[in-house]
Amino acid sequence: MESSDNGLIDAARVLQSLAAKRPTFHSEADFQFAFAWEAKLGSPDLEVRLETHPEPAVRLDLELLDSRSGIGVAIEMKYMTRFWSGRHGSETFSLKNHGASDLRGYDIVKDIVRVERFVAARPSWSGLVIVLTNEASYWRPRTHGRATNADAFRISEGTLLAGQRGWGPRTGGTAKGHEAPLQLAGEYALEWTDYSRLDSSRAGTFRSLTIEIGGTSAVGT
């Protein structure tokens, strides 16, 4: 697993350590809390804040802060699942089938834009958007080669996210509540990493995507 050290935490190492203990999660909130706990275990001096509202109309899933240096990390997290049920250790899991939604791709790009704006106003901060899923259609590149209305919001392996991202001309009402185009300040080459494998089924494989804002994987910021 490649390092994604943003100056305060190494997200790749946190995820690697977490995967050994928690290969899957009951919910997005469970994932957020577990990641924050693991980061705190690795850096006990970190201050952890969940579900913060740092500005009017601005919400962040997680903030990690070193109060002595003023360095912080703003983090948004997404957990999208395909149906899977089973046990790991003493826990029983029954994951919902969220489906591979183009709207989820829009929400992830929107998270990047939100974190970009937050970090731009705070020079000592960096940002992360972390995605975890067992739905392979998120990371698997399209093979048909045809343009679709959701191309701007694909997050598959090897995608380069940059510039203005908007829906195609025939989207219609499927993007209700997600209509506004999104403008990215940086460029982000997407690289998925294996997270865990619970069984041999397609739904038993989890992969993660870590997007750094203000870090080494952001080009042009």
Protein backbone atom coordinates (compact mmCIF):
# COMPACT_ATOMS: atom_id res chain seq x y z
CA MET A 1 0.00 0.00 0.00
CA GLU A 2 1.45 3.35 -1.03
CA SER A 3 1.97 6.05 1.56
CA SER A 4 -0.35 9.05 1.58
CA ASP A 5 1.35 11.10 4.25
CA ASN A 6 -0.09 14.61 4.35
CA GLY A 7 2.16 15.94 7.13
CA LEU A 8 -0.03 15.04 10.12
CA ILE A 9 -1.25 11.49 9.50
CA ASP A 10 -0.37 8.79 7.01
CA ALA A 11 -3.83 7.83 5.77
CA ALA A 12 -2.59 4.72 3.94
CA ARG A 13 -1.00 3.36 7.12
CA VAL A 14 -4.08 4.17 9.17
CA LEU A 15 -6.27 2.27 6.69
CA GLN A 16 -3.84 -0.65 6.57
CA SER A 17 -3.79 -0.92 10.35
CA LEU A 18 -7.56 -0.52 10.51
CA ALA A 19 -8.18 -3.23 7.90
CA ALA A 20 -6.41 -5.78 10.09
CA LYS A 21 -8.88 -5.05 12.89
CA ARG A 22 -12.03 -3.97 11.06
CA PRO A 23 -12.22 -5.39 7.52
CA THR A 24 -15.76 -4.04 7.13
CA PHE A 25 -18.20 -1.74 8.91
CA HIS A 26 -21.86 -1.63 9.78
CA SER A 27 -22.38 1.90 8.46
CA GLU A 28 -20.65 5.03 7.27
CA ALA A 29 -20.72 6.43 10.80
CA ASP A 30 -19.06 3.24 12.06
CA PHE A 31 -16.32 3.67 9.45
CA GLN A 32 -15.77 7.34 10.36
CA PHE A 33 -15.48 6.62 14.07
CA ALA A 34 -13.17 3.64 13.55
CA PHE A 35 -10.83 5.62 11.29
CA ALA A 36 -10.69 8.49 13.80
CA TRP A 37 -9.97 6.04 16.64
CA GLU A 38 -7.18 4.35 14.67
CA ALA A 39 -5.61 7.70 13.78
CA LYS A 40 -5.71 8.69 17.45
CA LEU A 41 -4.07 5.41 18.49
CA GLY A 42 -1.20 6.12 16.10
CA SER A 43 -0.84 9.76 17.19
CA PRO A 44 -2.14 10.12 20.77
CA ASP A 45 -1.68 13.91 20.79
CA LEU A 46 -4.18 14.38 17.96
CA GLU A 47 -7.43 16.15 18.79
CA VAL A 48 -10.39 14.47 17.08
CA ARG A 49 -13.67 16.14 16.11
CA LEU A 50 -16.54 14.30 14.40
CA GLU A 51 -19.39 15.90 12.40
CA THR A 52 -18.18 19.46 12.79
CA HIS A 53 -19.72 22.69 11.50
CA PRO A 54 -16.67 24.97 11.16
CA GLU A 55 -18.58 27.61 9.19
CA PRO A 56 -22.24 28.38 8.44
CA ALA A 57 -23.57 25.86 5.91
CA VAL A 58 -20.26 23.92 5.99
CA ARG A 59 -20.10 20.43 7.49
CA LEU A 60 -17.13 18.09 7.79
CA ASP A 61 -17.20 14.42 8.72
CA LEU A 62 -13.94 14.57 10.64
CA GLU A 63 -11.23 17.01 11.73
CA LEU A 64 -7.87 15.95 13.14
CA LEU A 65 -5.83 18.69 14.78
CA ASP A 66 -2.43 19.16 16.38
CA SER A 67 -3.20 22.11 18.64
CA ARG A 68 0.47 22.79 19.34
CA SER A 69 1.41 23.38 15.70
CA GLY A 70 -1.96 24.47 14.36
CA ILE A 71 -1.74 21.80 11.65
CA GLY A 72 -5.02 20.08 10.88
CA VAL A 73 -6.60 17.65 8.45
CA ALA A 74 -10.16 18.03 7.16
CA ILE A 75 -11.64 14.68 6.15
CA GLU A 76 -14.75 13.62 4.26
CA MET A 77 -15.59 9.89 4.13
CA LYS A 78 -17.91 7.76 2.02
CA TYR A 79 -18.91 4.13 2.55
CA MET A 80 -20.98 2.57 -0.25
CA THR A 81 -21.90 -1.10 -0.06
CA ARG A 82 -23.13 -4.00 -2.11
CA PHE A 83 -25.24 -6.53 -0.21
CA TRP A 84 -23.07 -8.82 1.90
CA SER A 85 -23.84 -10.78 5.03
CA GLY A 86 -21.54 -12.79 7.22
CA ARG A 87 -19.48 -12.83 10.36
CA HIS A 88 -16.07 -11.54 11.28
CA GLY A 89 -14.83 -12.36 14.76
CA SER A 90 -17.70 -11.79 17.15
CA GLU A 91 -19.61 -9.46 14.82
CA THR A 92 -22.42 -10.26 12.39
CA PHE A 93 -22.81 -8.02 9.37
CA SER A 94 -25.71 -7.46 6.99
CA LEU A 95 -24.68 -4.73 4.56
CA LYS A 96 -27.26 -2.90 2.50
CA ASN A 97 -27.26 -2.86 -1.27
CA HIS A 98 -26.85 0.83 -2.07
CA GLY A 99 -26.34 0.19 -5.76
CA ALA A 100 -23.72 1.87 -7.96
CA SER A 101 -25.21 5.34 -8.07
CA ASP A 102 -23.97 8.13 -10.33
CA LEU A 103 -25.22 10.49 -7.64
CA ARG A 104 -22.66 9.03 -5.22
CA GLY A 105 -19.93 9.99 -7.67
CA TYR A 106 -21.32 13.52 -7.72
CA ASP A 107 -21.31 13.60 -3.92
CA ILE A 108 -17.66 12.53 -3.82
CA VAL A 109 -16.63 15.28 -6.23
CA LYS A 110 -18.67 17.71 -4.12
CA ASP A 111 -16.76 16.52 -1.04
CA ILE A 112 -13.47 17.30 -2.81
CA VAL A 113 -14.68 20.80 -3.66
CA ARG A 114 -15.80 21.37 -0.06
CA VAL A 115 -12.48 20.24 1.38
CA GLU A 116 -10.54 22.27 -1.22
CA ARG A 117 -12.33 25.44 -0.13
CA PHE A 118 -11.84 24.68 3.54
CA VAL A 119 -8.12 23.98 3.14
CA ALA A 120 -7.54 27.00 0.86
CA ALA A 121 -8.66 29.26 3.71
CA ARG A 122 -6.35 27.55 6.20
CA PRO A 123 -2.74 27.36 4.94
CA SER A 124 -1.63 25.03 7.75
CA TRP A 125 -4.33 22.46 6.94
CA SER A 126 -4.58 19.66 4.40
CA GLY A 127 -7.51 17.51 3.40
CA LEU A 128 -8.58 13.98 2.57
CA VAL A 129 -11.56 12.39 0.89
CA ILE A 130 -11.65 8.67 1.68
CA VAL A 131 -13.97 6.20 -0.06
CA LEU A 132 -14.50 2.56 0.91
CA THR A 133 -16.72 0.16 -1.02
CA ASN A 134 -17.28 -3.46 -1.99
CA GLU A 135 -19.17 -2.43 -5.15
CA ALA A 136 -16.66 -3.14 -7.94
CA SER A 137 -18.42 -0.92 -10.48
CA TYR A 138 -17.08 2.12 -8.65
CA TRP A 139 -13.42 1.24 -9.21
CA ARG A 140 -13.71 -0.79 -12.44
CA PRO A 141 -13.15 1.32 -15.59
CA ARG A 142 -15.89 1.32 -18.23
CA THR A 143 -15.05 -0.89 -21.22
CA HIS A 144 -17.77 0.04 -23.73
CA GLY A 145 -16.10 3.35 -24.69
CA ARG A 146 -19.39 5.22 -25.12
CA ALA A 147 -19.92 8.67 -23.61
CA THR A 148 -22.54 8.79 -20.86
CA ASN A 149 -24.24 11.62 -19.01
CA ALA A 150 -22.40 10.72 -15.78
CA ASP A 151 -18.86 10.56 -17.19
CA ALA A 152 -17.76 13.65 -15.22
CA PHE A 153 -18.53 11.86 -11.96
CA ARG A 154 -16.88 8.49 -12.60
CA ILE A 155 -14.35 7.57 -9.91
CA SER A 156 -12.90 4.44 -11.50
CA GLU A 157 -9.24 3.43 -11.43
CA GLY A 158 -7.06 5.75 -13.51
CA THR A 159 -9.58 8.57 -13.78
CA LEU A 160 -8.23 12.13 -13.67
CA LEU A 161 -10.63 14.49 -11.93
CA ALA A 162 -10.05 18.14 -12.83
CA GLY A 163 -11.80 21.33 -13.88
CA GLN A 164 -15.55 21.73 -14.11
CA ARG A 165 -17.60 18.58 -13.67
CA GLY A 166 -21.16 18.56 -14.96
CA TRP A 167 -23.85 16.19 -16.19
CA GLY A 168 -24.33 15.30 -19.83
CA PRO A 169 -27.16 16.92 -21.84
CA ARG A 170 -29.60 14.02 -21.46
CA THR A 171 -29.46 13.56 -17.71
CA GLY A 172 -33.00 14.78 -17.08
CA GLY A 173 -34.56 14.35 -13.65
CA THR A 174 -32.19 11.63 -12.45
CA ALA A 175 -29.87 14.28 -10.96
CA LYS A 176 -32.54 16.11 -8.98
CA GLY A 177 -30.88 17.90 -6.07
CA HIS A 178 -27.46 17.38 -7.67
CA GLU A 179 -27.82 19.59 -10.73
CA ALA A 180 -25.19 22.28 -10.17
CA PRO A 181 -21.85 21.80 -11.95
CA LEU A 182 -18.85 21.49 -9.67
CA GLN A 183 -15.52 23.27 -10.13
CA LEU A 184 -12.35 21.56 -8.91
CA ALA A 185 -9.31 23.69 -8.10
CA GLY A 186 -6.84 20.83 -8.35
CA GLU A 187 -6.24 17.70 -10.43
CA TYR A 188 -6.58 14.26 -8.86
CA ALA A 189 -5.41 10.98 -10.39
CA LEU A 190 -7.54 8.27 -8.81
CA GLU A 191 -5.83 5.12 -7.58
CA TRP A 192 -7.74 2.43 -5.72
CA THR A 193 -6.11 0.17 -3.13
CA ASP A 194 -7.13 -3.24 -1.79
CA TYR A 195 -8.57 -2.89 1.71
CA SER A 196 -9.86 -6.33 2.75
CA ARG A 197 -11.21 -9.63 1.47
CA LEU A 198 -13.81 -11.37 3.60
CA ASP A 199 -14.61 -14.26 1.29
CA SER A 200 -14.27 -15.32 -2.33
CA SER A 201 -17.45 -13.63 -3.48
CA ARG A 202 -17.47 -10.43 -5.48
CA ALA A 203 -19.14 -8.61 -2.60
CA GLY A 204 -16.55 -9.86 -0.14
CA THR A 205 -13.79 -7.66 -1.58
CA PHE A 206 -13.39 -4.11 -0.29
CA ARG A 207 -11.22 -1.41 -1.88
CA SER A 208 -10.41 2.10 -0.75
CA LEU A 209 -9.76 5.37 -2.56
CA THR A 210 -7.84 8.16 -0.83
CA ILE A 211 -7.80 11.61 -2.42
CA GLU A 212 -5.40 14.12 -0.90
CA ILE A 213 -6.17 17.83 -1.04
CA GLY A 214 -3.18 20.04 -0.43
CA GLY A 215 -0.98 16.93 -0.39
CA THR A 216 1.30 15.16 -2.80
CA SER A 217 -1.47 13.65 -4.95
CA ALA A 218 -3.04 17.01 -5.79
CA VAL A 219 -1.50 18.54 -8.89
CA GLY A 220 -1.90 22.22 -9.59
CA THR A 221 -3.15 23.27 -6.18
